[in-house]
Protein backbone atom coordinates (compact mmCIF):
# COMPACT_ATOMS: atom_id res chain seq x y z
CA MET A 1 14.79 -7.70 13.13
CA HIS A 2 15.63 -4.07 11.96
CA ALA A 3 15.65 -1.21 14.46
CA PHE A 4 13.87 1.79 13.96
CA LYS A 5 14.42 5.30 15.61
CA PRO A 6 11.56 6.70 18.50
CA THR A 7 11.34 10.04 15.72
CA ASP A 8 10.36 7.65 12.72
CA HIS A 9 6.65 7.94 12.99
CA LEU A 10 7.32 11.79 11.71
CA ARG A 11 8.98 13.55 9.02
CA HIS A 12 12.48 12.65 8.22
CA PRO A 13 14.99 15.27 7.72
CA PRO A 14 16.71 15.94 4.02
CA SER A 15 19.59 13.59 2.76
CA PRO A 16 22.95 15.44 2.06
CA ASP A 17 21.74 16.12 -1.26
CA GLY A 18 18.72 18.19 0.51
CA ARG A 19 16.17 15.83 -0.92
CA MET A 20 13.57 13.49 1.24
CA ARG A 21 10.76 12.02 0.59
CA ASP A 22 8.27 10.76 3.27
CA SER A 23 5.20 8.80 1.82
CA LEU A 24 1.96 7.24 4.27
CA PHE A 25 -0.44 4.83 3.50
CA TRP A 26 -3.78 3.25 4.83
CA GLN A 27 -5.96 0.89 3.83
CA THR A 28 -8.94 -1.77 4.34
CA VAL A 29 -10.88 -3.81 2.43
CA ILE A 30 -14.87 -4.29 2.71
CA ALA A 31 -15.41 -7.19 0.83
CA GLU A 32 -19.01 -8.16 1.69
CA GLU A 33 -19.71 -4.86 -0.26
CA ARG A 34 -16.95 -5.70 -2.92
CA LEU A 35 -15.25 -2.15 -1.82
CA CYS A 36 -11.83 -1.37 -1.03
CA PHE A 37 -10.15 2.12 0.69
CA GLN A 38 -7.40 3.85 0.56
CA THR A 39 -5.55 7.08 1.47
CA TYR A 40 -2.15 7.82 0.22
CA LEU A 41 -0.15 11.05 1.43
CA PHE A 42 3.38 12.24 0.13
CA LEU A 43 5.48 15.04 1.64
CA THR A 44 9.10 16.47 0.41
CA ALA A 45 11.76 18.35 2.02
CA GLU A 46 10.82 20.85 0.14
CA GLY A 47 7.35 21.31 1.53
CA LYS A 48 5.45 19.72 -1.64
CA ALA A 49 2.63 17.42 -0.93
CA GLY A 50 0.34 15.03 -2.57
CA LEU A 51 -2.96 13.01 -1.31
CA ASN A 52 -5.29 10.62 -3.06
CA ILE A 53 -8.01 9.15 -0.67
CA ALA A 54 -10.40 6.58 -2.90
CA LEU A 55 -12.84 4.29 -2.23
CA TRP A 56 -13.73 1.90 -4.99
CA GLY A 57 -15.41 -1.08 -6.06
CA GLY A 58 -16.75 -3.16 -8.57
CA GLU A 59 -16.20 -2.85 -12.51
CA ASP A 60 -18.49 0.17 -12.98
CA GLU A 61 -17.44 3.96 -12.37
CA LYS A 62 -20.46 4.52 -10.28
CA TYR A 63 -18.80 2.67 -7.42
CA ARG A 64 -15.36 5.19 -7.93
CA CYS A 65 -15.28 8.07 -5.53
CA ALA A 66 -11.74 9.62 -4.90
CA GLU A 67 -10.39 12.66 -4.41
CA PHE A 68 -6.55 13.97 -5.43
CA GLN A 69 -4.88 17.16 -3.70
CA GLN A 70 -1.28 18.63 -4.51
CA GLY A 71 -0.16 21.40 -2.67
CA GLU A 72 2.68 22.66 -0.07
CA VAL A 73 3.03 22.95 3.70
CA PRO A 74 5.33 24.58 5.92
CA ALA A 75 8.83 23.14 7.13
CA THR A 76 7.72 23.26 10.51
CA MET A 77 4.51 20.97 10.13
CA ASP A 78 5.04 17.22 11.29
CA PHE A 79 2.95 14.27 11.50
CA ASP A 80 2.12 14.37 14.42
CA ASP A 81 -0.31 17.32 14.10
CA PHE A 82 -0.28 17.40 10.39
CA ALA A 83 -3.10 19.13 8.13
CA PHE A 84 -3.57 19.57 4.25
CA GLU A 85 -6.08 20.40 2.11
CA GLY A 86 -9.24 18.82 4.26
CA PHE A 87 -6.74 16.05 5.56
CA LYS A 88 -5.77 15.89 9.14
CA LEU A 89 -3.36 13.55 10.71
CA GLY A 90 -1.94 12.69 14.44
CA LYS A 91 0.93 10.26 15.21
CA VAL A 92 1.49 10.27 18.70
CA ARG A 93 4.78 7.75 18.95
CA PHE A 94 6.20 5.05 16.35
CA GLY A 95 4.30 1.91 15.90
CA GLY A 96 1.18 3.60 17.94
CA PRO A 97 -2.26 4.49 16.76
CA ALA A 98 -2.90 7.57 14.08
CA LYS A 99 -5.72 9.11 14.05
CA VAL A 100 -6.76 10.32 10.11
CA SER A 101 -9.89 12.60 9.20
CA PHE A 102 -10.40 13.93 5.47
CA SER A 103 -13.47 16.05 4.51
CA GLY A 104 -13.86 16.52 0.74
CA LYS A 105 -16.12 17.46 -1.87
CA ARG A 106 -16.73 13.86 -2.71
CA LEU A 107 -15.65 11.70 0.27
CA LYS A 108 -15.36 12.01 3.78
CA ALA A 109 -13.75 9.70 6.65
CA GLU A 110 -12.30 9.54 9.74
CA PHE A 111 -10.20 6.28 11.53
CA GLU A 112 -7.89 5.30 14.01
CA PHE A 113 -5.41 2.90 12.67
CA THR A 114 -3.76 0.65 15.55
CA GLY A 115 -1.16 -1.75 14.92
CA LEU A 116 -1.66 -6.02 15.63
CA HIS A 117 1.94 -6.26 15.48
CA ASP A 118 5.39 -4.33 15.80
CA ALA A 119 6.24 -2.56 12.47
CA PHE A 120 8.27 -4.62 9.79
CA SER A 121 10.99 -2.89 8.02
CA TYR A 122 11.53 -4.22 4.45
CA ARG A 123 15.16 -4.39 5.66
CA SER A 124 14.61 -7.01 7.52
CA ASN A 125 14.21 -9.25 4.19
CA PRO A 126 16.93 -11.47 2.81
CA ASP A 127 17.03 -9.16 0.07
CA GLY A 128 16.79 -6.15 2.09
CA LEU A 129 15.56 -2.90 0.67
CA PRO A 130 16.83 -1.28 -2.68
CA SER A 131 17.75 2.19 -2.38
CA TRP A 132 15.52 3.31 -5.84
CA MET A 133 12.81 2.80 -3.23
CA ALA A 134 13.36 3.83 0.10
CA THR A 135 15.91 4.48 2.74
CA ASP A 136 13.57 2.59 5.17
CA ARG A 137 10.03 1.49 4.91
CA TYR A 138 7.56 0.16 7.42
CA GLU A 139 4.74 -2.28 7.10
CA GLN A 140 2.32 -3.02 9.53
CA THR A 141 -1.19 -4.70 9.54
CA GLY A 142 -3.79 -3.55 12.29
CA ARG A 143 -7.23 -2.86 13.29
CA ILE A 144 -8.84 0.29 11.46
CA LYS A 145 -12.22 1.88 13.15
CA GLY A 146 -13.70 4.63 12.08
CA TRP A 147 -16.18 6.08 9.30
CA ILE A 148 -16.60 6.52 5.48
CA GLU A 149 -18.88 8.87 3.54
CA THR A 150 -19.88 9.10 0.14
CA PRO A 151 -22.74 11.31 -1.38
CA ASP A 152 -24.81 8.82 -0.90
CA ARG A 153 -23.91 6.49 1.77
CA ARG A 154 -21.58 6.34 5.04
CA ILE A 155 -19.79 3.27 5.76
CA GLU A 156 -19.02 2.04 9.33
CA LEU A 157 -15.72 0.84 9.71
CA ASP A 158 -14.17 -1.80 12.38
CA ARG A 159 -11.84 -4.32 11.14
CA ILE A 160 -8.27 -5.36 10.13
CA GLY A 161 -6.35 -2.85 7.59
CA HIS A 162 -3.03 -2.18 6.78
CA ARG A 163 -0.21 0.95 6.74
CA ASP A 164 3.00 1.88 5.55
CA HIS A 165 5.40 4.61 6.02
CA SER A 166 8.51 4.64 3.56
CA TRP A 167 11.04 7.47 3.53
CA GLY A 168 13.76 8.58 1.05
CA ASN A 169 14.15 9.33 -2.63
CA ARG A 170 12.12 7.19 -5.02
CA SER A 171 12.71 6.69 -8.59
CA TRP A 172 9.39 5.17 -9.80
CA GLY A 173 11.14 4.80 -13.40
CA LEU A 174 14.16 2.36 -12.44
CA PRO A 175 12.01 -0.69 -11.55
CA GLN A 176 10.79 -2.68 -14.55
CA HIS A 177 7.84 -4.14 -12.51
CA TRP A 178 6.73 -4.45 -9.24
CA LYS A 179 3.52 -6.25 -7.18
CA TRP A 180 2.76 -5.49 -3.67
CA PHE A 181 0.17 -6.96 -1.33
CA CYS A 182 -1.46 -6.91 2.09
CA ALA A 183 -3.90 -9.76 2.70
CA TYR A 184 -5.58 -10.97 5.83
CA THR A 185 -8.81 -13.06 7.34
CA PRO A 186 -11.30 -11.35 8.79
CA ASP A 187 -10.32 -12.38 12.36
CA GLY A 188 -6.81 -11.34 11.95
CA SER A 189 -5.08 -14.93 12.42
CA ILE A 190 -3.17 -14.75 9.35
CA MET A 191 -2.17 -11.13 8.41
CA LEU A 192 0.47 -11.06 5.21
CA ASN A 193 2.43 -8.12 3.51
CA GLY A 194 4.70 -9.09 0.06
CA TRP A 195 6.37 -6.95 -2.38
CA PHE A 196 8.28 -8.44 -5.30
CA TRP A 197 9.86 -6.34 -7.85
CA ILE A 198 12.59 -6.31 -11.18
CA ALA A 199 14.44 -3.99 -11.61
CA ARG A 200 18.19 -3.96 -13.60
CA GLY A 201 17.22 -7.54 -14.93
CA GLU A 202 17.27 -8.86 -10.82
CA TYR A 203 14.20 -9.73 -8.66
CA GLY A 204 13.66 -9.69 -5.06
CA CYS A 205 10.91 -9.90 -2.45
CA ALA A 206 10.13 -8.38 0.42
CA GLY A 207 7.26 -8.81 3.36
CA TYR A 208 6.56 -10.63 6.33
CA VAL A 209 3.80 -13.48 7.25
CA VAL A 210 1.63 -13.05 10.80
CA LYS A 211 0.31 -16.42 11.47
CA ASP A 212 -0.42 -18.27 14.77
CA GLY A 213 0.68 -15.07 16.72
CA GLU A 214 4.28 -15.25 15.19
CA LEU A 215 5.75 -12.93 12.79
CA SER A 216 8.39 -14.14 10.12
CA ALA A 217 10.37 -12.15 7.32
CA ILE A 218 9.15 -13.72 3.82
CA ALA A 219 12.65 -15.55 2.31
CA HIS A 220 11.01 -15.78 -1.38
CA MET A 221 8.13 -16.30 -3.11
CA ARG A 222 7.22 -16.13 -7.11
CA PRO A 223 3.84 -14.71 -7.54
CA LYS A 224 1.83 -15.46 -10.70
CA ALA A 225 -0.40 -13.20 -11.68
CA GLY A 226 -3.36 -13.33 -14.59
CA TYR A 227 -4.31 -10.00 -16.21
CA ASP A 228 -6.84 -8.08 -18.23
CA PRO A 229 -6.05 -7.26 -22.16
CA ASP A 230 -5.23 -3.78 -20.21
CA MET A 231 -2.77 -5.25 -18.20
CA SER A 232 -4.91 -4.77 -15.26
CA GLN A 233 -4.41 -7.48 -12.54
CA ARG A 234 -7.07 -10.05 -12.03
CA ARG A 235 -6.27 -12.69 -10.01
CA MET A 236 -2.67 -14.04 -8.79
CA SER A 237 -1.42 -16.86 -6.96
CA VAL A 238 1.73 -17.42 -4.61
CA ALA A 239 3.46 -19.79 -2.40
CA ILE A 240 4.89 -17.58 0.49
CA HIS A 241 8.16 -18.89 2.13
CA ASP A 242 8.80 -17.48 5.22
CA VAL A 243 12.49 -17.70 7.27
CA ALA A 244 10.81 -19.90 9.73
CA GLY A 245 10.75 -22.54 7.21
CA ARG A 246 6.63 -21.94 6.84
CA VAL A 247 4.91 -22.00 3.74
CA THR A 248 1.57 -19.72 3.03
CA GLN A 249 -0.45 -20.18 0.03
CA LEU A 250 -2.46 -17.02 -0.69
CA GLU A 251 -5.05 -17.11 -4.18
CA PHE A 252 -6.31 -13.40 -5.18
CA GLU A 253 -9.22 -12.47 -7.19
CA ARG A 254 -10.31 -9.06 -8.08
CA PHE A 255 -13.40 -7.17 -7.47
CA GLY A 256 -12.40 -3.95 -8.22
CA ASN A 257 -9.55 -2.18 -9.97
CA LEU A 258 -7.93 2.06 -9.93
CA ARG A 259 -5.70 2.99 -12.33
CA LEU A 260 -3.21 5.87 -10.91
CA PRO A 261 -0.73 7.42 -13.01
CA ALA A 262 2.51 8.49 -11.27
CA ASN A 263 2.93 11.37 -13.54
CA ASP A 264 6.76 10.70 -14.22
CA LYS A 265 8.96 11.01 -17.22
CA VAL A 266 8.64 6.96 -18.17
CA GLY A 267 4.87 6.67 -17.58
CA THR A 268 4.77 4.78 -14.74
CA ILE A 269 1.30 3.45 -13.94
CA ILE A 270 0.06 1.86 -10.49
CA GLN A 271 -2.85 -0.40 -10.50
CA GLU A 272 -4.92 -0.80 -6.90
CA SER A 273 -6.93 -3.77 -6.98
CA GLY A 274 -9.83 -4.73 -3.83
CA CYS A 275 -9.38 -8.67 -3.88
CA PHE A 276 -11.14 -11.57 -2.69
CA ALA A 277 -8.64 -13.73 -0.78
CA THR A 278 -7.80 -17.55 0.24
CA ILE A 279 -5.28 -17.89 2.74
CA ASP A 280 -4.34 -21.08 3.41
CA GLY A 281 -7.86 -22.60 2.82
CA LYS A 282 -9.46 -19.43 4.68
CA ASP A 283 -11.36 -16.51 3.34
CA GLY A 284 -9.73 -13.29 3.77
CA SER A 285 -9.41 -10.16 1.51
CA GLY A 286 -6.81 -7.79 0.65
CA GLN A 287 -5.19 -5.31 -1.86
CA PHE A 288 -3.14 -6.03 -4.71
CA GLU A 289 -0.69 -3.65 -6.31
CA THR A 290 1.05 -3.74 -9.70
CA GLN A 291 3.52 -1.10 -11.08
CA TRP A 292 4.55 -0.89 -14.99
CA GLN A 293 5.79 1.49 -17.48
CA GLN A 294 2.92 2.31 -20.06
CA ALA A 295 4.95 2.15 -22.99
CA TYR A 296 5.34 -1.80 -22.30
CA ILE A 297 1.82 -1.98 -21.81
CA ASP A 298 1.52 -0.57 -25.24
CA HIS A 299 3.59 -2.68 -26.37
CA LEU A 300 1.97 -5.57 -24.77
CA ALA A 301 -1.45 -4.94 -26.22
CA GLU A 302 -0.13 -4.12 -29.66
CA SER A 303 1.20 -7.68 -29.96
CA GLY A 304 -1.73 -9.21 -28.62
CA LEU A 305 0.30 -10.73 -25.35
CA THR A 306 -1.71 -9.14 -22.66
CA GLY A 307 -4.71 -11.22 -20.58
């Protein structure tokens, strides 16, 4: 497995061209209430920062509560004691617990995330990590404890969730498409993370399977998805082959979708779906993300080839 530095939970220094981008992500699914929750933070070497925090579910806007922030932070501020526009983060060591809180106009949250296995680098997969995505990136399934508040309710959290931390400059427009997902059973007996990408006419995959207490890198997979007319993902089926020789079958069915434009020059659209899951025949839940370019989605719609 790829080795990390003890300081990889912190901000990363600029590359020789003076650029750097760190992004951090946490999520969990409250499947019994058809709700998905995520927090996403990015920070550049220049101090530009952005945050989205969202709770969504069902197909009705009344189930959606999201906040978006953009701004700047000092060069001296690091992730062991970080504050930005109502968001606070404390990370004590690499792979260790992270404490997160947010207080916004429509959404408040406070939780601690603790990993249930060693952090996993996409560099450990046979296909490796494309340079257009990141210099390095770790993914980790764990336990999330705390709460979320909206204007009309409070949700207590003590369940399985997922996090990642990516660093390096990202080209959102270079990949033609990707599918990213995480999934887990309620007891954590099976935990999955996967990423399938197509770029420059080539494809690859990354991620891991934790099953029977053993973590193994994904060797190959070919996800098959079904879409609505707007190319929002509705379902997915994939047989995941890991390097230990195991095959894990994952089925997703969406209960809610969140659309997040990247606001780049090629019109990248990220869509996040909270899903019911079946993993090797066991009930579970997870999150299924797709990346497209809006012009391609428009072309499919005009051609009547969506769905």
